[in-house]
Amino acid sequence: MRIDLHVHTGERSPCAHSSAEEMVHAAVHAGLDGMVISDHDRLVPPEVLNHLNAKYAPFRVFGGVEVTAREEHILVLGVHDPALERIWWSYSDLYTFVEERNGFLAVAHPYRFTSDRVGADVKRYPPHALEVYSRNTPRSAAPRIRELAKKLGIPLLSNSDGHHVSDLGRYYNVLDHRPEDMDTLVSILKRGAFEPIAPTQMAAGSP
């Protein structure tokens, strides 16, 4: 299953330029099998997910959130709690909150804001994954991200961080099987049973 775990929509991310329906339609057209709506500090209402899944089946739409922690932006899956929208989180507190609820946590676009380091204390509180490829992950940072992931013993993700329909299809992950619910998706991700796909443009040396 080909899935993009980091997609924004105009309904809840002010910086996004396309609606949820437009993003889903574009993802289907790009050959993806699923995506996670992970808007900035906003959870996706269950009724929105139910509508999209019913309309675009068998394409799968899951709901996550990109939390603006004090140190980094953190992707959170498998936890649907309003506290994720309200609290100005430190990374360590967010890590504990997500772990206690059996969720999944990944650092989005490392080295985007601080080119010489990852702001979050990932050595003391290792996330479940690092995002090595995305529109907003510096290409030059890939070797450092891979090295850090190896030291931490965690896998790498490839996601669009898409804000417009034109962003979808280049970055995604291939799961070892198709999840029908969030619990199964989180289980697959925690087991590292997926492969991040690097865009061919990047492999060829293009931006």
N, C-alpha and C. Protein backbone atom coordinates (compact mmCIF):
# COMPACT_ATOMS: atom_id res chain seq x y z
N MET A 1 0.84 -1.20 0.00
CA MET A 1 0.00 0.00 0.00
C MET A 1 0.87 1.25 0.00
N ARG A 2 0.61 2.17 -0.89
CA ARG A 2 1.36 3.42 -1.00
C ARG A 2 0.61 4.52 -0.25
N ILE A 3 1.26 5.09 0.76
CA ILE A 3 0.57 6.06 1.62
C ILE A 3 1.47 7.24 1.94
N ASP A 4 0.87 8.41 1.93
CA ASP A 4 1.51 9.66 2.31
C ASP A 4 0.99 10.02 3.70
N LEU A 5 1.88 10.12 4.68
CA LEU A 5 1.48 10.30 6.08
C LEU A 5 1.45 11.76 6.52
N HIS A 6 1.66 12.69 5.61
CA HIS A 6 1.82 14.09 6.03
C HIS A 6 1.22 15.00 4.95
N VAL A 7 -0.10 15.23 5.08
CA VAL A 7 -0.83 16.03 4.09
C VAL A 7 -1.67 17.08 4.82
N HIS A 8 -1.63 18.31 4.31
CA HIS A 8 -2.40 19.40 4.90
C HIS A 8 -3.60 19.76 4.02
N THR A 9 -4.63 20.32 4.65
CA THR A 9 -5.84 20.70 3.91
C THR A 9 -6.24 22.12 4.29
N GLY A 10 -6.91 22.79 3.35
CA GLY A 10 -7.27 24.18 3.55
C GLY A 10 -8.28 24.41 4.65
N GLU A 11 -9.04 23.37 5.02
CA GLU A 11 -10.05 23.54 6.06
C GLU A 11 -9.45 23.81 7.44
N ARG A 12 -8.26 23.25 7.69
CA ARG A 12 -7.69 23.37 9.05
C ARG A 12 -6.25 23.88 9.07
N SER A 13 -5.58 23.94 7.96
CA SER A 13 -4.22 24.48 7.90
C SER A 13 -4.25 25.78 7.08
N PRO A 14 -4.10 26.94 7.72
CA PRO A 14 -4.19 28.20 6.99
C PRO A 14 -3.19 28.34 5.85
N CYS A 15 -2.07 27.61 5.94
CA CYS A 15 -1.05 27.69 4.90
C CYS A 15 -1.33 26.77 3.72
N ALA A 16 -2.36 25.93 3.81
CA ALA A 16 -2.69 25.01 2.73
C ALA A 16 -3.57 25.69 1.68
N HIS A 17 -3.48 25.23 0.44
CA HIS A 17 -4.17 25.89 -0.66
C HIS A 17 -5.24 25.02 -1.32
N SER A 18 -5.39 23.76 -0.85
CA SER A 18 -6.37 22.86 -1.47
C SER A 18 -7.22 22.22 -0.38
N SER A 19 -8.45 21.93 -0.72
CA SER A 19 -9.37 21.33 0.24
C SER A 19 -9.05 19.84 0.44
N ALA A 20 -9.67 19.26 1.46
CA ALA A 20 -9.48 17.83 1.72
C ALA A 20 -9.92 17.01 0.52
N GLU A 21 -11.07 17.33 -0.04
CA GLU A 21 -11.57 16.58 -1.20
C GLU A 21 -10.61 16.71 -2.38
N GLU A 22 -10.09 17.90 -2.60
CA GLU A 22 -9.14 18.10 -3.69
C GLU A 22 -7.86 17.31 -3.46
N MET A 23 -7.39 17.27 -2.23
CA MET A 23 -6.16 16.53 -1.92
C MET A 23 -6.36 15.03 -2.10
N VAL A 24 -7.50 14.52 -1.66
CA VAL A 24 -7.79 13.09 -1.83
C VAL A 24 -7.87 12.76 -3.32
N HIS A 25 -8.59 13.56 -4.06
CA HIS A 25 -8.73 13.31 -5.50
C HIS A 25 -7.36 13.31 -6.17
N ALA A 26 -6.50 14.25 -5.80
CA ALA A 26 -5.16 14.33 -6.38
C ALA A 26 -4.31 13.12 -6.00
N ALA A 27 -4.45 12.66 -4.76
CA ALA A 27 -3.69 11.49 -4.32
C ALA A 27 -4.12 10.24 -5.08
N VAL A 28 -5.42 10.08 -5.28
CA VAL A 28 -5.92 8.94 -6.06
C VAL A 28 -5.37 9.01 -7.48
N HIS A 29 -5.43 10.18 -8.07
CA HIS A 29 -4.95 10.38 -9.44
C HIS A 29 -3.45 10.10 -9.55
N ALA A 30 -2.71 10.39 -8.46
CA ALA A 30 -1.26 10.18 -8.46
C ALA A 30 -0.87 8.73 -8.21
N GLY A 31 -1.85 7.86 -7.96
CA GLY A 31 -1.56 6.44 -7.78
C GLY A 31 -1.34 6.01 -6.35
N LEU A 32 -1.64 6.88 -5.39
CA LEU A 32 -1.52 6.49 -3.99
C LEU A 32 -2.75 5.68 -3.57
N ASP A 33 -2.58 4.92 -2.49
CA ASP A 33 -3.67 4.09 -1.97
C ASP A 33 -4.25 4.65 -0.68
N GLY A 34 -3.56 5.63 -0.09
CA GLY A 34 -4.05 6.20 1.16
C GLY A 34 -3.24 7.42 1.54
N MET A 35 -3.78 8.17 2.50
CA MET A 35 -3.05 9.33 3.01
C MET A 35 -3.53 9.63 4.42
N VAL A 36 -2.70 10.36 5.15
CA VAL A 36 -3.05 10.84 6.48
C VAL A 36 -3.16 12.35 6.42
N ILE A 37 -4.32 12.88 6.79
CA ILE A 37 -4.48 14.33 6.93
C ILE A 37 -3.87 14.72 8.27
N SER A 38 -2.79 15.49 8.23
CA SER A 38 -2.09 15.88 9.46
C SER A 38 -1.95 17.40 9.47
N ASP A 39 -3.07 18.07 9.73
CA ASP A 39 -3.08 19.52 9.71
C ASP A 39 -2.32 20.09 10.90
N HIS A 40 -1.97 21.37 10.80
CA HIS A 40 -1.21 22.03 11.86
C HIS A 40 -2.08 22.24 13.10
N ASP A 41 -1.77 21.48 14.15
CA ASP A 41 -2.39 21.68 15.47
C ASP A 41 -3.91 21.58 15.45
N ARG A 42 -4.44 20.84 14.48
CA ARG A 42 -5.89 20.64 14.38
C ARG A 42 -6.18 19.19 14.03
N LEU A 43 -7.08 18.59 14.79
CA LEU A 43 -7.51 17.23 14.54
C LEU A 43 -8.60 17.21 13.46
N VAL A 44 -8.69 16.11 12.75
CA VAL A 44 -9.71 15.95 11.72
C VAL A 44 -10.96 15.35 12.35
N PRO A 45 -12.11 15.99 12.24
CA PRO A 45 -13.33 15.43 12.80
C PRO A 45 -13.64 14.05 12.21
N PRO A 46 -14.08 13.11 13.04
CA PRO A 46 -14.38 11.75 12.53
C PRO A 46 -15.37 11.75 11.38
N GLU A 47 -16.35 12.67 11.42
CA GLU A 47 -17.35 12.67 10.36
C GLU A 47 -16.74 13.06 9.01
N VAL A 48 -15.69 13.86 9.03
CA VAL A 48 -14.99 14.21 7.79
C VAL A 48 -14.29 12.98 7.23
N LEU A 49 -13.61 12.25 8.09
CA LEU A 49 -12.93 11.02 7.65
C LEU A 49 -13.93 10.00 7.12
N ASN A 50 -15.05 9.84 7.82
CA ASN A 50 -16.07 8.88 7.38
C ASN A 50 -16.59 9.25 6.00
N HIS A 51 -16.84 10.53 5.76
CA HIS A 51 -17.33 10.98 4.46
C HIS A 51 -16.32 10.69 3.35
N LEU A 52 -15.06 11.05 3.60
CA LEU A 52 -14.03 10.86 2.57
C LEU A 52 -13.80 9.38 2.28
N ASN A 53 -13.80 8.55 3.32
CA ASN A 53 -13.58 7.12 3.11
C ASN A 53 -14.74 6.47 2.37
N ALA A 54 -15.95 6.92 2.66
CA ALA A 54 -17.11 6.37 1.96
C ALA A 54 -17.12 6.81 0.49
N LYS A 55 -16.75 8.05 0.24
CA LYS A 55 -16.82 8.59 -1.12
C LYS A 55 -15.70 8.07 -2.01
N TYR A 56 -14.50 7.86 -1.44
CA TYR A 56 -13.33 7.53 -2.26
C TYR A 56 -12.83 6.10 -2.07
N ALA A 57 -13.60 5.24 -1.40
CA ALA A 57 -13.20 3.85 -1.23
C ALA A 57 -12.89 3.22 -2.60
N PRO A 58 -11.85 2.37 -2.65
CA PRO A 58 -11.08 1.78 -1.55
C PRO A 58 -9.91 2.62 -1.04
N PHE A 59 -9.74 3.83 -1.58
CA PHE A 59 -8.71 4.72 -1.04
C PHE A 59 -8.99 4.96 0.43
N ARG A 60 -7.92 4.98 1.26
CA ARG A 60 -8.07 5.13 2.71
C ARG A 60 -7.56 6.48 3.17
N VAL A 61 -8.37 7.16 3.98
CA VAL A 61 -8.00 8.45 4.56
C VAL A 61 -7.99 8.32 6.07
N PHE A 62 -6.85 8.65 6.68
CA PHE A 62 -6.69 8.58 8.13
C PHE A 62 -6.47 10.00 8.67
N GLY A 63 -6.72 10.16 9.95
CA GLY A 63 -6.54 11.46 10.58
C GLY A 63 -5.40 11.46 11.57
N GLY A 64 -4.48 12.39 11.41
CA GLY A 64 -3.40 12.60 12.36
C GLY A 64 -3.32 14.08 12.67
N VAL A 65 -2.17 14.55 13.13
CA VAL A 65 -1.98 15.96 13.42
C VAL A 65 -0.49 16.28 13.42
N GLU A 66 -0.14 17.46 12.94
CA GLU A 66 1.24 17.94 13.05
C GLU A 66 1.27 18.94 14.20
N VAL A 67 1.87 18.54 15.31
CA VAL A 67 1.91 19.37 16.51
C VAL A 67 3.12 20.31 16.44
N THR A 68 2.86 21.58 16.66
CA THR A 68 3.95 22.55 16.72
C THR A 68 4.49 22.57 18.14
N ALA A 69 5.44 21.69 18.42
CA ALA A 69 6.09 21.67 19.73
C ALA A 69 7.09 22.82 19.80
N ARG A 70 7.59 23.09 20.97
CA ARG A 70 8.50 24.21 21.14
C ARG A 70 9.80 24.02 20.36
N GLU A 71 10.22 22.76 20.21
CA GLU A 71 11.51 22.50 19.60
C GLU A 71 11.43 22.11 18.13
N GLU A 72 10.40 21.39 17.74
CA GLU A 72 10.27 20.86 16.38
C GLU A 72 8.79 20.69 16.05
N HIS A 73 8.51 20.39 14.79
CA HIS A 73 7.17 19.98 14.38
C HIS A 73 7.12 18.45 14.44
N ILE A 74 6.08 17.94 15.08
CA ILE A 74 5.99 16.51 15.35
C ILE A 74 4.71 15.93 14.77
N LEU A 75 4.84 14.90 13.96
CA LEU A 75 3.68 14.18 13.45
C LEU A 75 3.20 13.20 14.52
N VAL A 76 1.89 13.22 14.81
CA VAL A 76 1.30 12.32 15.79
C VAL A 76 0.15 11.57 15.12
N LEU A 77 0.19 10.26 15.21
CA LEU A 77 -0.87 9.40 14.69
C LEU A 77 -1.37 8.49 15.80
N GLY A 78 -2.65 8.16 15.75
CA GLY A 78 -3.20 7.20 16.69
C GLY A 78 -3.66 7.78 18.01
N VAL A 79 -3.61 9.11 18.16
CA VAL A 79 -4.11 9.77 19.36
C VAL A 79 -5.06 10.88 18.91
N HIS A 80 -6.32 10.76 19.27
CA HIS A 80 -7.31 11.78 18.92
C HIS A 80 -7.79 12.42 20.22
N ASP A 81 -7.06 13.41 20.68
CA ASP A 81 -7.33 14.04 21.96
C ASP A 81 -7.25 15.55 21.77
N PRO A 82 -8.28 16.30 22.19
CA PRO A 82 -8.26 17.76 22.01
C PRO A 82 -7.05 18.45 22.64
N ALA A 83 -6.41 17.80 23.59
CA ALA A 83 -5.22 18.40 24.21
C ALA A 83 -4.14 18.65 23.17
N LEU A 84 -4.11 17.87 22.12
CA LEU A 84 -3.11 18.06 21.06
C LEU A 84 -3.31 19.38 20.34
N GLU A 85 -4.51 19.93 20.39
CA GLU A 85 -4.80 21.21 19.75
C GLU A 85 -4.58 22.41 20.67
N ARG A 86 -4.61 22.18 21.98
CA ARG A 86 -4.69 23.29 22.92
C ARG A 86 -3.38 23.62 23.63
N ILE A 87 -2.51 22.66 23.77
CA ILE A 87 -1.35 22.83 24.64
C ILE A 87 -0.12 23.24 23.83
N TRP A 88 0.65 24.18 24.36
CA TRP A 88 1.94 24.56 23.79
C TRP A 88 2.96 23.55 24.32
N TRP A 89 3.16 22.48 23.58
CA TRP A 89 3.88 21.31 24.06
C TRP A 89 5.39 21.50 24.04
N SER A 90 6.04 20.97 25.06
CA SER A 90 7.46 20.66 24.94
C SER A 90 7.55 19.28 24.30
N TYR A 91 8.66 19.00 23.63
CA TYR A 91 8.78 17.70 22.98
C TYR A 91 8.71 16.56 23.99
N SER A 92 9.38 16.71 25.13
CA SER A 92 9.40 15.62 26.13
C SER A 92 8.00 15.34 26.66
N ASP A 93 7.21 16.38 26.91
CA ASP A 93 5.85 16.17 27.40
C ASP A 93 4.97 15.54 26.32
N LEU A 94 5.13 15.98 25.09
CA LEU A 94 4.36 15.39 24.00
C LEU A 94 4.73 13.93 23.81
N TYR A 95 6.01 13.63 23.87
CA TYR A 95 6.47 12.25 23.75
C TYR A 95 5.79 11.36 24.80
N THR A 96 5.80 11.81 26.05
CA THR A 96 5.19 11.02 27.12
C THR A 96 3.69 10.87 26.90
N PHE A 97 3.03 11.95 26.50
CA PHE A 97 1.59 11.93 26.25
C PHE A 97 1.22 10.91 25.18
N VAL A 98 1.97 10.91 24.09
CA VAL A 98 1.69 9.99 22.97
C VAL A 98 2.03 8.56 23.34
N GLU A 99 3.16 8.35 24.01
CA GLU A 99 3.56 7.00 24.41
C GLU A 99 2.53 6.38 25.35
N GLU A 100 2.03 7.16 26.28
CA GLU A 100 1.05 6.63 27.24
C GLU A 100 -0.24 6.20 26.55
N ARG A 101 -0.49 6.74 25.38
CA ARG A 101 -1.71 6.41 24.64
C ARG A 101 -1.45 5.51 23.44
N ASN A 102 -0.26 4.91 23.42
CA ASN A 102 0.11 3.94 22.38
C ASN A 102 0.04 4.52 20.97
N GLY A 103 0.34 5.83 20.86
CA GLY A 103 0.34 6.45 19.55
C GLY A 103 1.70 6.37 18.87
N PHE A 104 1.77 7.01 17.73
CA PHE A 104 2.99 7.04 16.90
C PHE A 104 3.44 8.48 16.78
N LEU A 105 4.75 8.68 16.88
CA LEU A 105 5.31 10.03 16.90
C LEU A 105 6.55 10.07 16.02
N ALA A 106 6.62 11.06 15.12
CA ALA A 106 7.76 11.20 14.22
C ALA A 106 8.14 12.66 14.09
N VAL A 107 9.43 12.93 13.96
CA VAL A 107 9.90 14.30 13.76
C VAL A 107 9.72 14.65 12.28
N ALA A 108 8.95 15.70 12.03
CA ALA A 108 8.73 16.16 10.66
C ALA A 108 9.88 17.05 10.21
N HIS A 109 10.27 16.92 8.95
CA HIS A 109 11.33 17.72 8.31
C HIS A 109 12.45 18.16 9.27
N PRO A 110 13.24 17.21 9.79
CA PRO A 110 14.37 17.59 10.65
C PRO A 110 15.34 18.52 9.92
N TYR A 111 15.99 19.36 10.68
CA TYR A 111 17.00 20.31 10.18
C TYR A 111 16.39 21.41 9.31
N ARG A 112 15.08 21.51 9.26
CA ARG A 112 14.48 22.58 8.48
C ARG A 112 14.70 23.95 9.16
N PHE A 113 14.55 23.97 10.47
CA PHE A 113 14.62 25.24 11.20
C PHE A 113 16.00 25.50 11.79
N THR A 114 16.71 24.45 12.16
CA THR A 114 18.07 24.58 12.69
C THR A 114 18.96 23.62 11.91
N SER A 115 19.76 24.14 11.00
CA SER A 115 20.49 23.31 10.06
C SER A 115 21.59 22.48 10.71
N ASP A 116 21.99 22.83 11.93
CA ASP A 116 23.10 22.13 12.56
C ASP A 116 22.68 21.10 13.60
N ARG A 117 21.36 21.04 13.92
CA ARG A 117 20.94 20.10 14.97
C ARG A 117 19.43 19.89 14.89
N VAL A 118 18.98 18.81 15.53
CA VAL A 118 17.56 18.58 15.76
C VAL A 118 17.22 19.15 17.13
N GLY A 119 16.26 20.06 17.18
CA GLY A 119 15.98 20.76 18.43
C GLY A 119 15.46 19.87 19.54
N ALA A 120 14.67 18.86 19.19
CA ALA A 120 14.10 17.96 20.19
C ALA A 120 15.17 17.00 20.73
N ASP A 121 15.02 16.61 21.98
CA ASP A 121 15.97 15.69 22.61
C ASP A 121 15.62 14.26 22.20
N VAL A 122 15.95 13.93 20.95
CA VAL A 122 15.57 12.62 20.41
C VAL A 122 16.44 11.50 20.96
N LYS A 123 17.58 11.82 21.52
CA LYS A 123 18.42 10.77 22.10
C LYS A 123 17.81 10.26 23.41
N ARG A 124 17.27 11.18 24.19
CA ARG A 124 16.63 10.77 25.46
C ARG A 124 15.22 10.27 25.21
N TYR A 125 14.55 10.88 24.24
CA TYR A 125 13.17 10.51 23.92
C TYR A 125 13.08 10.17 22.43
N PRO A 126 13.54 8.99 22.05
CA PRO A 126 13.58 8.66 20.61
C PRO A 126 12.18 8.54 20.01
N PRO A 127 11.92 9.25 18.92
CA PRO A 127 10.63 9.12 18.24
C PRO A 127 10.56 7.76 17.55
N HIS A 128 9.42 7.48 16.96
CA HIS A 128 9.25 6.21 16.25
C HIS A 128 9.84 6.27 14.85
N ALA A 129 10.06 7.47 14.32
CA ALA A 129 10.63 7.62 12.97
C ALA A 129 11.08 9.06 12.77
N LEU A 130 11.89 9.25 11.73
CA LEU A 130 12.30 10.57 11.26
C LEU A 130 11.87 10.71 9.81
N GLU A 131 11.44 11.90 9.44
CA GLU A 131 11.06 12.17 8.06
C GLU A 131 12.31 12.58 7.27
N VAL A 132 12.75 11.69 6.38
CA VAL A 132 13.98 11.96 5.63
C VAL A 132 13.72 12.69 4.32
N TYR A 133 12.55 12.46 3.72
CA TYR A 133 12.19 13.13 2.48
C TYR A 133 10.85 13.84 2.65
N SER A 134 10.77 15.08 2.21
CA SER A 134 9.51 15.82 2.10
C SER A 134 9.82 17.11 1.35
N ARG A 135 8.79 17.83 0.99
CA ARG A 135 8.98 19.11 0.32
C ARG A 135 9.78 20.08 1.20
N ASN A 136 9.63 19.95 2.51
CA ASN A 136 10.25 20.90 3.42
C ASN A 136 11.43 20.33 4.21
N THR A 137 11.89 19.15 3.84
CA THR A 137 13.10 18.60 4.44
C THR A 137 14.28 18.97 3.54
N PRO A 138 15.27 19.68 4.06
CA PRO A 138 16.41 20.05 3.21
C PRO A 138 17.07 18.82 2.61
N ARG A 139 17.24 18.83 1.31
CA ARG A 139 17.85 17.68 0.64
C ARG A 139 19.24 17.40 1.19
N SER A 140 19.98 18.46 1.51
CA SER A 140 21.33 18.31 2.03
C SER A 140 21.36 17.64 3.40
N ALA A 141 20.20 17.61 4.08
CA ALA A 141 20.15 17.03 5.42
C ALA A 141 19.96 15.52 5.41
N ALA A 142 19.65 14.93 4.26
CA ALA A 142 19.35 13.50 4.20
C ALA A 142 20.43 12.62 4.82
N PRO A 143 21.73 12.84 4.51
CA PRO A 143 22.75 11.98 5.15
C PRO A 143 22.76 12.08 6.67
N ARG A 144 22.57 13.29 7.21
CA ARG A 144 22.54 13.45 8.65
C ARG A 144 21.31 12.80 9.27
N ILE A 145 20.19 12.90 8.57
CA ILE A 145 18.97 12.26 9.08
C ILE A 145 19.13 10.75 9.09
N ARG A 146 19.70 10.20 8.03
CA ARG A 146 19.93 8.76 7.98
C ARG A 146 20.89 8.30 9.09
N GLU A 147 21.91 9.08 9.31
CA GLU A 147 22.88 8.73 10.36
C GLU A 147 22.22 8.77 11.74
N LEU A 148 21.41 9.79 11.98
CA LEU A 148 20.73 9.91 13.27
C LEU A 148 19.74 8.76 13.46
N ALA A 149 18.99 8.43 12.42
CA ALA A 149 18.04 7.32 12.52
C ALA A 149 18.75 6.01 12.82
N LYS A 150 19.91 5.82 12.21
CA LYS A 150 20.68 4.60 12.47
C LYS A 150 21.13 4.54 13.92
N LYS A 151 21.60 5.67 14.45
CA LYS A 151 22.04 5.70 15.85
C LYS A 151 20.88 5.42 16.80
N LEU A 152 19.70 5.93 16.45
CA LEU A 152 18.54 5.74 17.31
C LEU A 152 17.85 4.39 17.08
N GLY A 153 18.18 3.74 15.97
CA GLY A 153 17.55 2.46 15.66
C GLY A 153 16.09 2.60 15.24
N ILE A 154 15.79 3.66 14.50
CA ILE A 154 14.41 3.91 14.07
C ILE A 154 14.36 4.07 12.55
N PRO A 155 13.18 3.85 11.95
CA PRO A 155 13.06 3.93 10.50
C PRO A 155 12.88 5.36 9.99
N LEU A 156 12.89 5.48 8.68
CA LEU A 156 12.75 6.76 7.99
C LEU A 156 11.43 6.82 7.23
N LEU A 157 10.90 8.03 7.09
CA LEU A 157 9.65 8.25 6.38
C LEU A 157 9.87 9.15 5.17
N SER A 158 9.03 8.98 4.16
CA SER A 158 9.00 9.87 3.00
C SER A 158 7.57 10.35 2.82
N ASN A 159 7.34 11.65 3.03
CA ASN A 159 6.00 12.23 2.95
C ASN A 159 6.03 13.54 2.19
N SER A 160 4.90 13.91 1.62
CA SER A 160 4.88 15.13 0.81
C SER A 160 4.95 16.40 1.64
N ASP A 161 4.38 16.39 2.86
CA ASP A 161 4.10 17.64 3.57
C ASP A 161 3.32 18.54 2.63
N GLY A 162 2.38 17.93 1.92
CA GLY A 162 1.68 18.61 0.85
C GLY A 162 0.71 19.67 1.34
N HIS A 163 0.74 20.82 0.68
CA HIS A 163 -0.17 21.92 0.96
C HIS A 163 -1.03 22.27 -0.26
N HIS A 164 -0.74 21.61 -1.38
CA HIS A 164 -1.46 21.87 -2.64
C HIS A 164 -1.52 20.56 -3.41
N VAL A 165 -2.52 20.43 -4.26
CA VAL A 165 -2.70 19.19 -5.01
C VAL A 165 -1.47 18.82 -5.83
N SER A 166 -0.72 19.81 -6.28
CA SER A 166 0.46 19.53 -7.10
C SER A 166 1.59 18.88 -6.31
N ASP A 167 1.48 18.86 -4.97
CA ASP A 167 2.55 18.30 -4.14
C ASP A 167 2.48 16.78 -4.02
N LEU A 168 1.37 16.19 -4.38
CA LEU A 168 1.14 14.78 -4.07
C LEU A 168 1.67 13.84 -5.14
N GLY A 169 2.16 12.69 -4.68
CA GLY A 169 2.57 11.62 -5.58
C GLY A 169 4.05 11.36 -5.66
N ARG A 170 4.89 12.31 -5.28
CA ARG A 170 6.34 12.12 -5.36
C ARG A 170 6.90 11.46 -4.11
N TYR A 171 6.29 11.73 -2.97
CA TYR A 171 6.80 11.24 -1.69
C TYR A 171 5.74 10.34 -1.05
N TYR A 172 6.13 9.12 -0.70
CA TYR A 172 5.20 8.22 -0.04
C TYR A 172 5.96 7.04 0.56
N ASN A 173 5.23 6.22 1.28
CA ASN A 173 5.79 5.03 1.91
C ASN A 173 5.00 3.81 1.44
N VAL A 174 5.68 2.69 1.26
CA VAL A 174 5.02 1.46 0.87
C VAL A 174 4.91 0.56 2.10
N LEU A 175 3.69 0.31 2.55
CA LEU A 175 3.44 -0.54 3.71
C LEU A 175 3.43 -2.01 3.29
N ASP A 176 3.72 -2.89 4.24
CA ASP A 176 3.75 -4.31 3.89
C ASP A 176 2.37 -4.91 3.71
N HIS A 177 1.34 -4.26 4.26
CA HIS A 177 -0.03 -4.66 3.96
C HIS A 177 -0.97 -3.48 4.20
N ARG A 178 -2.21 -3.65 3.84
CA ARG A 178 -3.18 -2.56 3.85
C ARG A 178 -3.87 -2.46 5.21
N PRO A 179 -3.75 -1.34 5.92
CA PRO A 179 -4.47 -1.17 7.18
C PRO A 179 -5.88 -0.65 6.94
N GLU A 180 -6.84 -1.19 7.66
CA GLU A 180 -8.21 -0.73 7.54
C GLU A 180 -8.58 0.25 8.64
N ASP A 181 -7.73 0.38 9.67
CA ASP A 181 -8.02 1.32 10.74
C ASP A 181 -6.71 1.90 11.27
N MET A 182 -6.82 2.92 12.10
CA MET A 182 -5.64 3.62 12.59
C MET A 182 -4.77 2.73 13.48
N ASP A 183 -5.39 1.89 14.29
CA ASP A 183 -4.61 1.02 15.16
C ASP A 183 -3.68 0.13 14.35
N THR A 184 -4.19 -0.41 13.25
CA THR A 184 -3.37 -1.26 12.39
C THR A 184 -2.27 -0.46 11.71
N LEU A 185 -2.59 0.75 11.27
CA LEU A 185 -1.58 1.61 10.65
C LEU A 185 -0.46 1.91 11.64
N VAL A 186 -0.81 2.27 12.87
CA VAL A 186 0.20 2.56 13.89
C VAL A 186 1.06 1.33 14.15
N SER A 187 0.44 0.16 14.20
CA SER A 187 1.19 -1.08 14.43
C SER A 187 2.21 -1.32 13.32
N ILE A 188 1.79 -1.13 12.08
CA ILE A 188 2.70 -1.30 10.93
C ILE A 188 3.87 -0.33 11.04
N LEU A 189 3.58 0.92 11.33
CA LEU A 189 4.62 1.93 11.41
C LEU A 189 5.58 1.66 12.56
N LYS A 190 5.06 1.24 13.70
CA LYS A 190 5.93 0.96 14.84
C LYS A 190 6.83 -0.24 14.59
N ARG A 191 6.35 -1.19 13.80
CA ARG A 191 7.18 -2.35 13.45
C ARG A 191 8.19 -2.02 12.37
N GLY A 192 8.05 -0.85 11.75
CA GLY A 192 8.95 -0.49 10.65
C GLY A 192 8.69 -1.32 9.42
N ALA A 193 7.45 -1.80 9.26
CA ALA A 193 7.11 -2.66 8.14
C ALA A 193 6.69 -1.84 6.92
N PHE A 194 7.61 -0.99 6.47
CA PHE A 194 7.34 -0.12 5.33
C PHE A 194 8.66 0.33 4.74
N GLU A 195 8.57 0.88 3.53
CA GLU A 195 9.75 1.41 2.86
C GLU A 195 9.48 2.83 2.40
N PRO A 196 10.32 3.79 2.78
CA PRO A 196 10.15 5.15 2.27
C PRO A 196 10.64 5.25 0.84
N ILE A 197 9.84 5.87 -0.01
CA ILE A 197 10.19 5.98 -1.42
C ILE A 197 10.73 7.38 -1.70
N ALA A 198 11.98 7.43 -2.16
CA ALA A 198 12.60 8.70 -2.52
C ALA A 198 12.12 9.10 -3.91
N PRO A 199 11.77 10.37 -4.10
CA PRO A 199 11.32 10.80 -5.42
C PRO A 199 12.42 10.64 -6.46
N THR A 200 12.03 10.24 -7.66
CA THR A 200 13.02 10.03 -8.71
C THR A 200 13.72 11.32 -9.07
N GLN A 201 13.02 12.46 -8.92
CA GLN A 201 13.65 13.74 -9.22
C GLN A 201 14.83 13.99 -8.29
N MET A 202 14.66 13.58 -7.01
CA MET A 202 15.75 13.78 -6.06
C MET A 202 16.90 12.83 -6.38
N ALA A 203 16.55 11.59 -6.72
CA ALA A 203 17.60 10.62 -7.05
C ALA A 203 18.40 11.08 -8.26
N ALA A 204 17.76 11.82 -9.15
CA ALA A 204 18.46 12.28 -10.34
C ALA A 204 19.21 13.58 -10.12
N GLY A 205 19.04 14.15 -8.90
CA GLY A 205 19.78 15.36 -8.55
C GLY A 205 19.01 16.64 -8.74
N SER A 206 17.70 16.55 -8.99
CA SER A 206 16.89 17.75 -9.13
C SER A 206 16.35 18.16 -7.77
N PRO A 207 15.93 19.41 -7.59
CA PRO A 207 15.38 19.83 -6.30
C PRO A 207 14.04 19.18 -6.01
